[in-house]
Amino acid sequence: MKIKIHWCFDLPEDCDIGAHDRYAKANGVPIIVDMCDHLPSPESATEHQIAAVLFDKFNRLIHDWEVI
């Protein structure tokens, strides 16, 4: 299960998703993650479990995410 992530970066509120994605790339933070690499059954994981795994792996909070 691949997801696209909108991370909680300390960026100005008026910045667009392009600025978010450029910031992520410049700082080595992925915006697309295959959760199968991190959870045995990501389809049945809760949002909290997914957020916790991503925080543990990338030391970043997420704003939201969507399955792609």
Protein backbone atom coordinates (compact mmCIF):
# COMPACT_ATOMS: atom_id res chain seq x y z
CA MET A 1 0.00 0.00 0.00
CA LYS A 2 1.63 3.22 -1.15
CA ILE A 3 0.65 6.49 0.44
CA LYS A 4 1.34 10.13 -0.38
CA ILE A 5 2.18 12.12 2.73
CA HIS A 6 1.69 15.75 3.62
CA TRP A 7 4.20 16.28 6.41
CA CYS A 8 3.98 18.89 9.17
CA PHE A 9 6.88 21.10 8.16
CA ASP A 10 7.47 24.52 9.71
CA LEU A 11 6.61 26.36 6.49
CA PRO A 12 4.54 29.51 6.00
CA GLU A 13 0.82 28.77 5.98
CA ASP A 14 0.36 30.24 2.52
CA CYS A 15 2.86 27.94 0.80
CA ASP A 16 1.48 25.52 -1.78
CA ILE A 17 1.94 21.77 -2.08
CA GLY A 18 4.79 22.33 -4.56
CA ALA A 19 6.76 24.20 -1.88
CA HIS A 20 6.01 21.37 0.57
CA ASP A 21 7.26 18.75 -1.88
CA ARG A 22 10.42 20.72 -2.73
CA TYR A 23 11.17 21.15 0.98
CA ALA A 24 10.69 17.43 1.56
CA LYS A 25 13.01 16.53 -1.30
CA ALA A 26 15.67 19.03 -0.20
CA ASN A 27 15.61 17.52 3.29
CA GLY A 28 15.56 13.87 2.28
CA VAL A 29 12.01 13.22 3.45
CA PRO A 30 9.91 11.08 1.10
CA ILE A 31 6.43 12.15 0.10
CA ILE A 32 5.51 8.69 -1.19
CA VAL A 33 6.06 5.70 1.09
CA ASP A 34 5.25 2.03 0.57
CA MET A 35 3.77 1.05 3.92
CA CYS A 36 4.29 -2.64 3.08
CA ASP A 37 7.95 -1.95 3.88
CA HIS A 38 7.03 -0.86 7.40
CA LEU A 39 3.93 -2.80 8.47
CA PRO A 40 2.99 -6.45 7.94
CA SER A 41 -0.63 -5.58 7.06
CA PRO A 42 -0.91 -1.84 6.36
CA GLU A 43 -4.44 -2.09 4.95
CA SER A 44 -5.74 -3.04 8.39
CA ALA A 45 -3.59 -0.55 10.33
CA THR A 46 -5.20 2.42 12.04
CA GLU A 47 -4.32 5.99 11.15
CA HIS A 48 -2.58 6.24 14.52
CA GLN A 49 -0.43 3.17 13.79
CA ILE A 50 0.57 4.54 10.38
CA ALA A 51 1.41 7.95 11.86
CA ALA A 52 3.47 6.32 14.62
CA VAL A 53 5.44 4.18 12.18
CA LEU A 54 6.16 7.19 9.97
CA PHE A 55 7.24 9.27 12.96
CA ASP A 56 9.54 6.50 14.20
CA LYS A 57 11.08 6.06 10.75
CA PHE A 58 11.40 9.70 9.64
CA ASN A 59 11.19 11.63 12.93
CA ARG A 60 8.49 13.86 11.44
CA LEU A 61 4.82 14.40 12.21
CA ILE A 62 2.32 14.04 9.42
CA HIS A 63 -0.47 16.44 8.57
CA ASP A 64 -2.34 13.88 6.50
CA TRP A 65 -1.89 11.14 3.94
CA GLU A 66 -3.79 9.38 1.19
CA VAL A 67 -3.53 5.99 -0.45
CA ILE A 68 -2.33 6.17 -4.04
